[in-house]
Amino acid sequence: MRPNASRNKVGGTVGDPPRLVVAVQAPAVDGKANDAVLKELAKAFGLRQRDFTIVFGELGRDKRLIVEGDEKLLHKRYEELRGDPTLL
């Protein structure tokens, strides 16, 4: 997660092992960035915000989530998003 970004966007990877980058304009204050992350992920994956649950990292930049949905479609979209460095 990258709070205080110039615009909201999902795509590309960072680190080893690679992690999907989610940049949000919201500040990392009072859970605003976390809410923005879930909203942007929902848009990027074509799901509802409630289909995403943060299970680790609520207070940090690195997060682990549970995503409800069709596993094959989610995996395909994840691969599309993580391989698109133009979104960064």
N, C-alpha and C. Protein backbone atom coordinates (compact mmCIF):
# COMPACT_ATOMS: atom_id res chain seq x y z
N MET A 1 0.83 -1.17 0.00
CA MET A 1 0.00 0.00 0.00
C MET A 1 0.88 1.24 0.00
N ARG A 2 0.47 2.21 -0.78
CA ARG A 2 1.15 3.49 -0.81
C ARG A 2 0.13 4.59 -0.52
N PRO A 3 0.06 5.06 0.73
CA PRO A 3 -0.88 6.13 1.04
C PRO A 3 -0.36 7.47 0.53
N ASN A 4 -1.23 8.45 0.50
CA ASN A 4 -0.88 9.81 0.07
C ASN A 4 -0.34 9.87 -1.36
N ALA A 5 -0.80 8.98 -2.22
CA ALA A 5 -0.36 8.96 -3.62
C ALA A 5 -1.05 10.09 -4.39
N SER A 6 -0.51 10.40 -5.55
CA SER A 6 -1.10 11.46 -6.37
C SER A 6 -2.44 11.03 -6.97
N ARG A 7 -2.62 9.71 -7.15
CA ARG A 7 -3.90 9.19 -7.64
C ARG A 7 -4.06 7.75 -7.19
N ASN A 8 -5.28 7.27 -7.19
CA ASN A 8 -5.56 5.89 -6.82
C ASN A 8 -5.26 4.99 -8.01
N LYS A 9 -4.56 3.89 -7.75
CA LYS A 9 -4.24 2.94 -8.82
C LYS A 9 -3.83 1.61 -8.23
N VAL A 10 -4.07 0.56 -9.01
CA VAL A 10 -3.70 -0.80 -8.62
C VAL A 10 -2.93 -1.40 -9.77
N GLY A 11 -1.72 -1.91 -9.50
CA GLY A 11 -0.97 -2.56 -10.56
C GLY A 11 0.52 -2.55 -10.33
N GLY A 12 1.19 -3.51 -10.94
CA GLY A 12 2.63 -3.65 -10.77
C GLY A 12 2.95 -4.37 -9.48
N THR A 13 4.22 -4.64 -9.28
CA THR A 13 4.65 -5.34 -8.07
C THR A 13 5.86 -4.64 -7.49
N VAL A 14 6.12 -4.99 -6.24
CA VAL A 14 7.29 -4.48 -5.54
C VAL A 14 7.79 -5.58 -4.59
N GLY A 15 9.10 -5.63 -4.40
CA GLY A 15 9.69 -6.54 -3.41
C GLY A 15 9.90 -7.95 -3.89
N ASP A 16 10.41 -8.73 -2.96
CA ASP A 16 10.66 -10.15 -3.19
C ASP A 16 10.25 -10.91 -1.95
N PRO A 17 9.21 -11.71 -1.97
CA PRO A 17 8.41 -12.08 -3.13
C PRO A 17 7.57 -10.89 -3.61
N PRO A 18 7.21 -10.89 -4.88
CA PRO A 18 6.46 -9.77 -5.45
C PRO A 18 5.10 -9.59 -4.78
N ARG A 19 4.78 -8.32 -4.49
CA ARG A 19 3.49 -7.97 -3.90
C ARG A 19 2.81 -6.95 -4.80
N LEU A 20 1.51 -7.09 -4.95
CA LEU A 20 0.72 -6.17 -5.76
C LEU A 20 0.75 -4.79 -5.12
N VAL A 21 0.93 -3.76 -5.94
CA VAL A 21 0.98 -2.39 -5.44
C VAL A 21 -0.40 -1.76 -5.54
N VAL A 22 -0.85 -1.17 -4.43
CA VAL A 22 -2.09 -0.43 -4.39
C VAL A 22 -1.76 0.96 -3.86
N ALA A 23 -1.89 1.97 -4.70
CA ALA A 23 -1.61 3.34 -4.31
C ALA A 23 -2.95 4.06 -4.10
N VAL A 24 -3.07 4.78 -2.98
CA VAL A 24 -4.30 5.50 -2.68
C VAL A 24 -3.99 6.92 -2.25
N GLN A 25 -4.90 7.81 -2.54
CA GLN A 25 -4.72 9.21 -2.16
C GLN A 25 -4.97 9.43 -0.68
N ALA A 26 -5.71 8.56 -0.05
CA ALA A 26 -6.08 8.72 1.36
C ALA A 26 -4.85 8.65 2.26
N PRO A 27 -4.86 9.42 3.35
CA PRO A 27 -3.76 9.35 4.30
C PRO A 27 -3.89 8.10 5.19
N ALA A 28 -2.79 7.66 5.73
CA ALA A 28 -2.78 6.49 6.62
C ALA A 28 -3.16 6.93 8.03
N VAL A 29 -4.39 7.44 8.16
CA VAL A 29 -4.89 7.94 9.44
C VAL A 29 -6.29 7.41 9.67
N ASP A 30 -6.54 6.87 10.84
CA ASP A 30 -7.88 6.40 11.23
C ASP A 30 -8.48 5.40 10.25
N GLY A 31 -7.68 4.58 9.63
CA GLY A 31 -8.18 3.55 8.73
C GLY A 31 -8.63 4.05 7.37
N LYS A 32 -8.41 5.32 7.07
CA LYS A 32 -8.85 5.86 5.78
C LYS A 32 -8.14 5.20 4.61
N ALA A 33 -6.85 4.97 4.75
CA ALA A 33 -6.09 4.32 3.67
C ALA A 33 -6.54 2.88 3.48
N ASN A 34 -6.79 2.17 4.56
CA ASN A 34 -7.27 0.79 4.45
C ASN A 34 -8.60 0.73 3.71
N ASP A 35 -9.52 1.63 4.05
CA ASP A 35 -10.80 1.67 3.35
C ASP A 35 -10.60 1.96 1.86
N ALA A 36 -9.70 2.89 1.56
CA ALA A 36 -9.43 3.23 0.17
C ALA A 36 -8.81 2.05 -0.58
N VAL A 37 -7.92 1.32 0.08
CA VAL A 37 -7.30 0.14 -0.52
C VAL A 37 -8.37 -0.88 -0.89
N LEU A 38 -9.27 -1.17 0.03
CA LEU A 38 -10.32 -2.15 -0.24
C LEU A 38 -11.22 -1.68 -1.38
N LYS A 39 -11.52 -0.40 -1.41
CA LYS A 39 -12.35 0.15 -2.48
C LYS A 39 -11.67 0.03 -3.84
N GLU A 40 -10.38 0.35 -3.90
CA GLU A 40 -9.65 0.26 -5.17
C GLU A 40 -9.47 -1.18 -5.62
N LEU A 41 -9.22 -2.08 -4.68
CA LEU A 41 -9.11 -3.50 -5.04
C LEU A 41 -10.44 -4.02 -5.57
N ALA A 42 -11.53 -3.62 -4.94
CA ALA A 42 -12.86 -4.04 -5.40
C ALA A 42 -13.10 -3.58 -6.84
N LYS A 43 -12.74 -2.33 -7.13
CA LYS A 43 -12.90 -1.83 -8.50
C LYS A 43 -12.01 -2.60 -9.47
N ALA A 44 -10.76 -2.84 -9.08
CA ALA A 44 -9.80 -3.50 -9.96
C ALA A 44 -10.20 -4.94 -10.27
N PHE A 45 -10.80 -5.61 -9.29
CA PHE A 45 -11.17 -7.01 -9.46
C PHE A 45 -12.63 -7.19 -9.88
N GLY A 46 -13.39 -6.11 -9.94
CA GLY A 46 -14.80 -6.21 -10.30
C GLY A 46 -15.64 -6.89 -9.24
N LEU A 47 -15.29 -6.67 -7.98
CA LEU A 47 -16.00 -7.27 -6.86
C LEU A 47 -16.56 -6.18 -5.96
N ARG A 48 -17.21 -6.61 -4.88
CA ARG A 48 -17.69 -5.67 -3.88
C ARG A 48 -16.61 -5.47 -2.82
N GLN A 49 -16.62 -4.34 -2.18
CA GLN A 49 -15.63 -4.04 -1.15
C GLN A 49 -15.70 -5.07 -0.02
N ARG A 50 -16.90 -5.55 0.29
CA ARG A 50 -17.04 -6.52 1.39
C ARG A 50 -16.49 -7.90 1.05
N ASP A 51 -16.10 -8.11 -0.23
CA ASP A 51 -15.48 -9.39 -0.62
C ASP A 51 -14.01 -9.46 -0.20
N PHE A 52 -13.48 -8.36 0.30
CA PHE A 52 -12.08 -8.28 0.73
C PHE A 52 -12.01 -8.10 2.24
N THR A 53 -11.14 -8.88 2.89
CA THR A 53 -10.94 -8.76 4.34
C THR A 53 -9.45 -8.70 4.62
N ILE A 54 -9.01 -7.69 5.33
CA ILE A 54 -7.61 -7.59 5.74
C ILE A 54 -7.42 -8.50 6.94
N VAL A 55 -6.52 -9.48 6.81
CA VAL A 55 -6.27 -10.42 7.92
C VAL A 55 -4.93 -10.16 8.60
N PHE A 56 -4.07 -9.38 7.96
CA PHE A 56 -2.77 -9.04 8.54
C PHE A 56 -2.32 -7.71 7.96
N GLY A 57 -1.78 -6.86 8.81
CA GLY A 57 -1.18 -5.63 8.33
C GLY A 57 -2.08 -4.41 8.36
N GLU A 58 -3.08 -4.39 9.20
CA GLU A 58 -3.98 -3.23 9.26
C GLU A 58 -3.23 -1.94 9.55
N LEU A 59 -2.12 -2.03 10.27
CA LEU A 59 -1.38 -0.83 10.65
C LEU A 59 -0.10 -0.63 9.85
N GLY A 60 0.13 -1.47 8.84
CA GLY A 60 1.36 -1.37 8.06
C GLY A 60 1.08 -1.24 6.57
N ARG A 61 2.15 -1.08 5.82
CA ARG A 61 2.02 -0.95 4.37
C ARG A 61 1.79 -2.30 3.69
N ASP A 62 2.37 -3.36 4.22
CA ASP A 62 2.18 -4.70 3.65
C ASP A 62 0.95 -5.33 4.29
N LYS A 63 0.07 -5.86 3.46
CA LYS A 63 -1.18 -6.43 3.95
C LYS A 63 -1.41 -7.81 3.35
N ARG A 64 -2.11 -8.62 4.09
CA ARG A 64 -2.59 -9.91 3.58
C ARG A 64 -4.10 -9.86 3.65
N LEU A 65 -4.71 -10.33 2.57
CA LEU A 65 -6.17 -10.26 2.49
C LEU A 65 -6.76 -11.60 2.13
N ILE A 66 -8.00 -11.78 2.53
CA ILE A 66 -8.81 -12.88 2.05
C ILE A 66 -9.77 -12.27 1.03
N VAL A 67 -9.89 -12.93 -0.12
CA VAL A 67 -10.76 -12.43 -1.19
C VAL A 67 -11.78 -13.51 -1.51
N GLU A 68 -13.05 -13.11 -1.47
CA GLU A 68 -14.14 -14.03 -1.80
C GLU A 68 -14.46 -13.89 -3.28
N GLY A 69 -14.54 -15.01 -3.99
CA GLY A 69 -14.89 -14.96 -5.40
C GLY A 69 -14.38 -16.19 -6.13
N ASP A 70 -14.59 -16.22 -7.42
CA ASP A 70 -14.16 -17.33 -8.26
C ASP A 70 -12.64 -17.35 -8.34
N GLU A 71 -12.04 -18.41 -7.85
CA GLU A 71 -10.58 -18.48 -7.74
C GLU A 71 -9.87 -18.32 -9.09
N LYS A 72 -10.39 -18.94 -10.13
CA LYS A 72 -9.74 -18.84 -11.44
C LYS A 72 -9.79 -17.42 -11.99
N LEU A 73 -10.95 -16.78 -11.86
CA LEU A 73 -11.07 -15.40 -12.34
C LEU A 73 -10.21 -14.45 -11.52
N LEU A 74 -10.17 -14.65 -10.21
CA LEU A 74 -9.34 -13.80 -9.35
C LEU A 74 -7.86 -13.95 -9.70
N HIS A 75 -7.43 -15.19 -9.90
CA HIS A 75 -6.02 -15.42 -10.23
C HIS A 75 -5.67 -14.78 -11.58
N LYS A 76 -6.55 -14.91 -12.55
CA LYS A 76 -6.30 -14.32 -13.87
C LYS A 76 -6.18 -12.80 -13.75
N ARG A 77 -7.10 -12.17 -13.03
CA ARG A 77 -7.06 -10.71 -12.88
C ARG A 77 -5.83 -10.28 -12.10
N TYR A 78 -5.47 -11.05 -11.07
CA TYR A 78 -4.27 -10.74 -10.29
C TYR A 78 -3.03 -10.74 -11.18
N GLU A 79 -2.92 -11.74 -12.03
CA GLU A 79 -1.77 -11.81 -12.94
C GLU A 79 -1.75 -10.62 -13.90
N GLU A 80 -2.92 -10.21 -14.38
CA GLU A 80 -3.00 -9.04 -15.26
C GLU A 80 -2.53 -7.79 -14.54
N LEU A 81 -2.99 -7.61 -13.32
CA LEU A 81 -2.65 -6.42 -12.54
C LEU A 81 -1.18 -6.38 -12.14
N ARG A 82 -0.66 -7.51 -11.73
CA ARG A 82 0.73 -7.49 -11.23
C ARG A 82 1.72 -7.36 -12.39
N GLY A 83 1.30 -7.69 -13.59
CA GLY A 83 2.20 -7.61 -14.73
C GLY A 83 2.11 -6.31 -15.49
N ASP A 84 1.36 -5.34 -14.95
CA ASP A 84 1.16 -4.08 -15.68
C ASP A 84 1.91 -2.94 -14.98
N PRO A 85 3.20 -2.76 -15.27
CA PRO A 85 3.96 -1.70 -14.61
C PRO A 85 3.54 -0.30 -15.03
N THR A 86 2.75 -0.18 -16.10
CA THR A 86 2.31 1.15 -16.53
C THR A 86 1.33 1.75 -15.55
N LEU A 87 0.76 0.94 -14.67
CA LEU A 87 -0.19 1.46 -13.71
C LEU A 87 0.50 2.11 -12.52
N LEU A 88 1.79 1.94 -12.41
CA LEU A 88 2.49 2.52 -11.26
C LEU A 88 2.76 3.99 -11.43
